Amino acid sequence: MKPAPESDQNLERFVSAALRDLPARRAPRSLESRVLAELERRAALPWWHKSFAHWPVAVRGAFLVVSAAFAGALVWALAGFDATQAVNTVSADFTWVATLRDVTASLLDFGAIMFRGISPVWIYGGLAAIVSLYAMLFGLGTAAYRTLFANR
C-alpha cells in the first residue's frame, strides 16, 4: 500500500518546520581557536610559500620573463640537435646499445612484414570479436549485479 501524496507533503512540511525552529549550533571553542590559529599562521607565511597568485606583481613579471628566456634558450640550444649524431656517439661508447638497436629494428621490420601479410578481413574480424567479447563481459557483469545485489 502506497501512502498518499498529501501525507508526504504534510510530513515534509512538518520536518522542515521542526528543523527550521532548531537553534543554530555554535562550534566548539577548541575548533574555533584552532581555525583562527591556522588562518593567522597562513596569513603570516612569506609570499614565496604561497601560491603564484599571491606573489607581488613585479616578482610574477620577472618570473615570467626569466621563464620565457629560459624556454627560448632551450629552443635555441636544441635547434641544432642531431639525433642521429647523438645515437652514433652513444653507440660508439656502448656497443650493447648498438646491438640492442639493431635487434629492435630487425624485430620491428619482421613485425611490419608479418602484419602486411595478414588480410584486412582477419584484422577487422579480430577487432570485432574483441569488442563483442568486451560487450558480453559488461552485459554479463550487469546482469549478475542486478540479479545478486540490486533487489536487496
Protein backbone atom coordinates (compact mmCIF):
# COMPACT_ATOMS: atom_id res chain seq x y z
CA MET A 1 0.00 0.00 0.00
CA LYS A 2 1.36 3.38 -1.03
CA PRO A 3 0.95 6.44 1.20
CA ALA A 4 -1.00 9.35 -0.25
CA PRO A 5 0.99 12.26 -1.73
CA GLU A 6 -0.75 14.67 0.66
CA SER A 7 0.66 12.83 3.67
CA ASP A 8 4.15 13.01 2.14
CA GLN A 9 3.80 16.76 1.70
CA ASN A 10 2.47 17.17 5.23
CA LEU A 11 5.36 15.15 6.63
CA GLU A 12 7.82 17.19 4.61
CA ARG A 13 6.34 20.46 5.89
CA PHE A 14 6.39 19.18 9.48
CA VAL A 15 10.04 18.07 9.32
CA SER A 16 11.06 21.29 7.56
CA ALA A 17 9.35 23.44 10.20
CA ALA A 18 10.86 21.39 13.04
CA LEU A 19 14.35 21.76 11.60
CA ARG A 20 13.88 25.47 10.97
CA ASP A 21 12.86 26.01 14.60
CA LEU A 22 16.04 24.44 15.97
CA PRO A 23 18.58 26.93 17.32
CA ALA A 24 21.83 27.39 15.40
CA ARG A 25 24.64 25.35 16.92
CA ARG A 26 27.85 27.04 17.89
CA ALA A 27 31.18 25.49 17.01
CA PRO A 28 33.20 24.12 19.94
CA ARG A 29 35.67 26.62 21.42
CA SER A 30 38.63 24.38 20.63
CA LEU A 31 37.64 24.19 16.95
CA GLU A 32 37.16 27.93 16.70
CA SER A 33 40.56 28.63 18.24
CA ARG A 34 42.29 26.06 16.01
CA VAL A 35 40.72 27.53 12.87
CA LEU A 36 41.65 31.08 13.83
CA ALA A 37 45.21 29.97 14.66
CA GLU A 38 45.54 28.27 11.28
CA LEU A 39 44.25 31.37 9.49
CA GLU A 40 46.79 33.52 11.31
CA ARG A 41 49.56 31.05 10.51
CA ARG A 42 48.70 31.10 6.81
CA ALA A 43 48.48 34.88 6.77
CA ALA A 44 51.95 35.10 8.33
CA LEU A 45 53.58 32.93 5.64
CA PRO A 46 56.08 34.71 3.37
CA TRP A 47 54.97 35.32 -0.22
CA TRP A 48 57.27 32.67 -1.70
CA HIS A 49 55.49 29.99 0.34
CA LYS A 50 52.11 30.99 -1.09
CA SER A 51 50.63 30.28 -4.49
CA PHE A 52 51.69 32.20 -7.61
CA ALA A 53 48.60 34.44 -7.39
CA HIS A 54 49.81 35.82 -4.04
CA TRP A 55 53.26 36.79 -5.32
CA PRO A 56 53.99 40.50 -5.83
CA VAL A 57 53.30 41.70 -9.37
CA ALA A 58 56.94 42.63 -10.04
CA VAL A 59 58.14 39.18 -8.97
CA ARG A 60 55.48 37.48 -11.10
CA GLY A 61 56.54 39.54 -14.11
CA ALA A 62 60.23 38.79 -13.52
CA PHE A 63 59.44 35.09 -13.16
CA LEU A 64 57.54 35.07 -16.46
CA VAL A 65 60.36 36.94 -18.25
CA VAL A 66 63.03 34.58 -16.88
CA SER A 67 60.90 31.53 -17.76
CA ALA A 68 60.37 32.78 -21.31
CA ALA A 69 64.10 33.49 -21.67
CA PHE A 70 64.94 30.01 -20.39
CA ALA A 71 62.45 28.42 -22.81
CA GLY A 72 63.88 30.47 -25.69
CA ALA A 73 67.44 29.45 -24.78
CA LEU A 74 66.38 25.82 -24.62
CA VAL A 75 64.75 26.01 -28.06
CA TRP A 76 67.79 27.78 -29.46
CA ALA A 77 70.14 25.16 -27.97
CA LEU A 78 68.08 22.26 -29.30
CA ALA A 79 67.64 23.76 -32.78
CA GLY A 80 70.95 22.32 -33.91
CA PHE A 81 70.42 18.99 -32.13
CA ASP A 82 71.06 16.00 -34.38
CA ALA A 83 69.51 12.81 -33.03
CA THR A 84 71.47 10.57 -35.40
CA GLN A 85 74.77 12.02 -34.24
CA ALA A 86 73.75 11.53 -30.59
CA VAL A 87 72.77 7.90 -31.22
CA ASN A 88 76.03 7.23 -33.05
CA THR A 89 78.03 8.83 -30.23
CA VAL A 90 76.29 6.72 -27.61
CA SER A 91 76.57 3.62 -29.78
CA ALA A 92 80.31 4.10 -30.17
CA ASP A 93 80.73 4.22 -26.40
CA PHE A 94 78.31 1.40 -25.61
CA THR A 95 78.39 -1.43 -28.14
CA TRP A 96 75.49 -3.20 -26.47
CA VAL A 97 73.28 -0.20 -27.29
CA ALA A 98 74.07 -0.60 -30.98
CA THR A 99 73.30 -4.33 -30.78
CA LEU A 100 70.04 -3.64 -28.99
CA ARG A 101 69.13 -1.01 -31.59
CA ASP A 102 69.82 -3.44 -34.43
CA VAL A 103 67.83 -6.26 -32.82
CA THR A 104 64.91 -3.93 -32.14
CA ALA A 105 64.95 -2.63 -35.71
CA SER A 106 65.02 -6.21 -37.04
CA LEU A 107 62.08 -7.24 -34.85
CA LEU A 108 60.09 -4.18 -35.92
CA ASP A 109 60.81 -4.92 -39.59
CA PHE A 110 59.75 -8.55 -39.10
CA GLY A 111 56.54 -7.44 -37.35
CA ALA A 112 55.75 -5.00 -40.16
CA ILE A 113 56.26 -7.70 -42.79
CA MET A 114 54.04 -10.14 -40.91
CA PHE A 115 51.35 -7.52 -40.33
CA ARG A 116 51.26 -6.62 -44.02
CA GLY A 117 50.75 -10.30 -44.84
CA ILE A 118 47.52 -10.51 -42.79
CA SER A 119 44.31 -9.87 -44.70
CA PRO A 120 42.34 -6.82 -43.50
CA VAL A 121 39.29 -9.08 -43.14
CA TRP A 122 41.06 -11.02 -40.39
CA ILE A 123 42.16 -7.85 -38.63
CA TYR A 124 38.67 -6.33 -38.67
CA GLY A 125 37.16 -9.66 -37.67
CA GLY A 126 39.54 -9.96 -34.73
CA LEU A 127 38.77 -6.41 -33.62
CA ALA A 128 35.02 -7.10 -33.90
CA ALA A 129 35.43 -10.28 -31.84
CA ILE A 130 37.34 -8.41 -29.13
CA VAL A 131 34.71 -5.65 -28.99
CA SER A 132 31.86 -8.16 -28.82
CA LEU A 133 33.60 -10.12 -26.04
CA TYR A 134 34.03 -6.93 -24.00
CA ALA A 135 30.37 -6.03 -24.57
CA MET A 136 29.39 -9.52 -23.43
CA LEU A 137 31.60 -9.17 -20.35
CA PHE A 138 29.93 -5.89 -19.34
CA GLY A 139 26.47 -7.27 -20.13
CA LEU A 140 27.01 -10.39 -18.03
CA GLY A 141 28.51 -8.31 -15.22
CA THR A 142 25.47 -6.01 -15.24
CA ALA A 143 23.06 -8.94 -15.29
CA ALA A 144 24.90 -10.63 -12.41
CA TYR A 145 24.89 -7.43 -10.35
CA ARG A 146 21.20 -6.84 -10.92
CA THR A 147 20.39 -10.44 -10.08
CA LEU A 148 22.51 -10.65 -6.94
CA PHE A 149 22.52 -7.15 -5.43
CA ALA A 150 20.03 -4.74 -6.97
CA ASN A 151 16.86 -6.21 -5.41
CA ARG A 152 18.14 -6.12 -1.82
